[in-house]
Amino acid sequence: MSDGMQKILFDPMKYPEWVAPHSPEWYKQLFKEVGEYKYPWKSTFEWQWVVIV
């Protein structure tokens, strides 16, 4: 910020319903909301593209 003041952001861990990411509780909550594991994006690569990178 140009006036020298820092903006203080809300700490999400202080939210009453905070669940630590990748904890057993987090996975239980995810399963209740989604119901199954989903991998919605395509992650296959063509060989020529991999060589270029």
N, C-alpha and C. Protein backbone atom coordinates (compact mmCIF):
# COMPACT_ATOMS: atom_id res chain seq x y z
N MET A 1 0.84 -1.18 0.00
CA MET A 1 0.00 0.00 0.00
C MET A 1 0.88 1.24 0.00
N SER A 2 0.43 2.23 -0.67
CA SER A 2 1.26 3.42 -0.82
C SER A 2 1.33 4.27 0.44
N ASP A 3 0.38 4.17 1.36
CA ASP A 3 0.39 5.01 2.56
C ASP A 3 1.21 4.39 3.70
N GLY A 4 1.90 3.29 3.45
CA GLY A 4 2.74 2.67 4.45
C GLY A 4 2.00 1.76 5.43
N MET A 5 0.69 1.66 5.30
CA MET A 5 -0.08 0.80 6.21
C MET A 5 -0.20 -0.59 5.61
N GLN A 6 -0.15 -1.57 6.46
CA GLN A 6 -0.33 -2.96 6.03
C GLN A 6 -1.77 -3.38 6.26
N LYS A 7 -2.31 -4.08 5.27
CA LYS A 7 -3.67 -4.60 5.42
C LYS A 7 -3.58 -5.94 6.15
N ILE A 8 -4.31 -6.08 7.23
CA ILE A 8 -4.31 -7.33 8.00
C ILE A 8 -5.42 -8.22 7.47
N LEU A 9 -5.04 -9.41 7.05
CA LEU A 9 -6.00 -10.36 6.51
C LEU A 9 -6.54 -11.25 7.63
N PHE A 10 -7.74 -11.74 7.43
CA PHE A 10 -8.37 -12.66 8.38
C PHE A 10 -7.64 -13.99 8.36
N ASP A 11 -7.33 -14.52 9.52
CA ASP A 11 -6.67 -15.82 9.63
C ASP A 11 -7.73 -16.91 9.51
N PRO A 12 -7.76 -17.69 8.42
CA PRO A 12 -8.81 -18.69 8.23
C PRO A 12 -8.81 -19.77 9.32
N MET A 13 -7.68 -19.97 9.99
CA MET A 13 -7.64 -20.98 11.05
C MET A 13 -8.43 -20.57 12.28
N LYS A 14 -8.82 -19.30 12.35
CA LYS A 14 -9.63 -18.83 13.47
C LYS A 14 -11.13 -18.94 13.18
N TYR A 15 -11.47 -19.34 11.97
CA TYR A 15 -12.87 -19.54 11.60
C TYR A 15 -13.40 -20.73 12.41
N PRO A 16 -14.59 -20.62 13.01
CA PRO A 16 -15.10 -21.69 13.89
C PRO A 16 -15.18 -23.07 13.24
N GLU A 17 -15.39 -23.12 11.93
CA GLU A 17 -15.53 -24.41 11.26
C GLU A 17 -14.28 -24.81 10.49
N TRP A 18 -13.15 -24.23 10.84
CA TRP A 18 -11.88 -24.52 10.15
C TRP A 18 -11.53 -25.99 10.29
N VAL A 19 -11.12 -26.59 9.17
CA VAL A 19 -10.64 -27.96 9.16
C VAL A 19 -9.28 -27.93 8.47
N ALA A 20 -8.27 -28.44 9.14
CA ALA A 20 -6.92 -28.43 8.56
C ALA A 20 -6.89 -29.21 7.25
N PRO A 21 -6.29 -28.63 6.21
CA PRO A 21 -6.23 -29.32 4.92
C PRO A 21 -5.50 -30.66 5.02
N HIS A 22 -6.03 -31.63 4.32
CA HIS A 22 -5.47 -32.98 4.21
C HIS A 22 -5.42 -33.73 5.54
N SER A 23 -6.20 -33.28 6.50
CA SER A 23 -6.33 -34.03 7.76
C SER A 23 -7.42 -35.08 7.57
N PRO A 24 -7.49 -36.08 8.44
CA PRO A 24 -8.58 -37.07 8.32
C PRO A 24 -9.96 -36.41 8.32
N GLU A 25 -10.13 -35.37 9.14
CA GLU A 25 -11.42 -34.66 9.18
C GLU A 25 -11.72 -33.97 7.86
N TRP A 26 -10.67 -33.42 7.23
CA TRP A 26 -10.83 -32.74 5.94
C TRP A 26 -11.31 -33.72 4.88
N TYR A 27 -10.69 -34.92 4.85
CA TYR A 27 -11.11 -35.93 3.89
C TYR A 27 -12.52 -36.43 4.16
N LYS A 28 -12.92 -36.55 5.43
CA LYS A 28 -14.29 -36.95 5.75
C LYS A 28 -15.29 -35.92 5.25
N GLN A 29 -14.96 -34.64 5.46
CA GLN A 29 -15.84 -33.57 4.99
C GLN A 29 -15.91 -33.56 3.47
N LEU A 30 -14.78 -33.75 2.81
CA LEU A 30 -14.75 -33.79 1.35
C LEU A 30 -15.62 -34.93 0.82
N PHE A 31 -15.53 -36.10 1.45
CA PHE A 31 -16.31 -37.25 1.02
C PHE A 31 -17.81 -36.98 1.19
N LYS A 32 -18.18 -36.32 2.30
CA LYS A 32 -19.60 -36.00 2.52
C LYS A 32 -20.11 -35.04 1.45
N GLU A 33 -19.28 -34.11 1.02
CA GLU A 33 -19.71 -33.12 0.04
C GLU A 33 -19.68 -33.65 -1.39
N VAL A 34 -18.67 -34.46 -1.72
CA VAL A 34 -18.48 -34.91 -3.10
C VAL A 34 -18.97 -36.34 -3.29
N GLY A 35 -18.75 -37.20 -2.30
CA GLY A 35 -19.24 -38.57 -2.37
C GLY A 35 -18.30 -39.55 -3.02
N GLU A 36 -17.32 -39.06 -3.76
CA GLU A 36 -16.37 -39.95 -4.41
C GLU A 36 -15.16 -39.14 -4.87
N TYR A 37 -14.10 -39.84 -5.20
CA TYR A 37 -12.91 -39.17 -5.71
C TYR A 37 -13.16 -38.80 -7.16
N LYS A 38 -12.86 -37.57 -7.52
CA LYS A 38 -13.02 -37.13 -8.90
C LYS A 38 -11.73 -36.51 -9.39
N TYR A 39 -11.39 -36.80 -10.61
CA TYR A 39 -10.19 -36.25 -11.26
C TYR A 39 -10.68 -35.68 -12.58
N PRO A 40 -11.22 -34.45 -12.58
CA PRO A 40 -11.92 -33.93 -13.75
C PRO A 40 -11.05 -33.40 -14.89
N TRP A 41 -9.76 -33.36 -14.73
CA TRP A 41 -8.95 -32.82 -15.80
C TRP A 41 -8.14 -33.90 -16.49
N LYS A 42 -7.80 -33.63 -17.73
CA LYS A 42 -7.04 -34.58 -18.52
C LYS A 42 -5.55 -34.34 -18.25
N SER A 43 -4.82 -35.39 -17.98
CA SER A 43 -3.41 -35.21 -17.66
C SER A 43 -2.50 -36.11 -18.49
N THR A 44 -2.91 -36.42 -19.69
CA THR A 44 -2.04 -37.19 -20.57
C THR A 44 -1.31 -36.22 -21.49
N PHE A 45 -0.12 -36.59 -21.87
CA PHE A 45 0.70 -35.71 -22.70
C PHE A 45 1.14 -36.45 -23.95
N GLU A 46 1.22 -35.70 -25.02
CA GLU A 46 1.78 -36.26 -26.25
C GLU A 46 3.30 -36.25 -26.11
N TRP A 47 3.96 -37.26 -26.60
CA TRP A 47 5.41 -37.38 -26.45
C TRP A 47 6.13 -36.15 -27.01
N GLN A 48 5.74 -35.65 -28.17
CA GLN A 48 6.43 -34.51 -28.77
C GLN A 48 6.37 -33.28 -27.87
N TRP A 49 5.24 -33.07 -27.20
CA TRP A 49 5.10 -31.92 -26.32
C TRP A 49 6.06 -32.04 -25.14
N VAL A 50 6.19 -33.23 -24.60
CA VAL A 50 7.08 -33.46 -23.45
C VAL A 50 8.52 -33.19 -23.85
N VAL A 51 8.91 -33.59 -25.03
CA VAL A 51 10.29 -33.37 -25.50
C VAL A 51 10.56 -31.89 -25.66
N ILE A 52 9.61 -31.12 -26.15
CA ILE A 52 9.79 -29.68 -26.35
C ILE A 52 9.99 -28.98 -25.02
N VAL A 53 9.27 -29.38 -24.00
CA VAL A 53 9.39 -28.75 -22.70
C VAL A 53 10.74 -29.08 -22.13
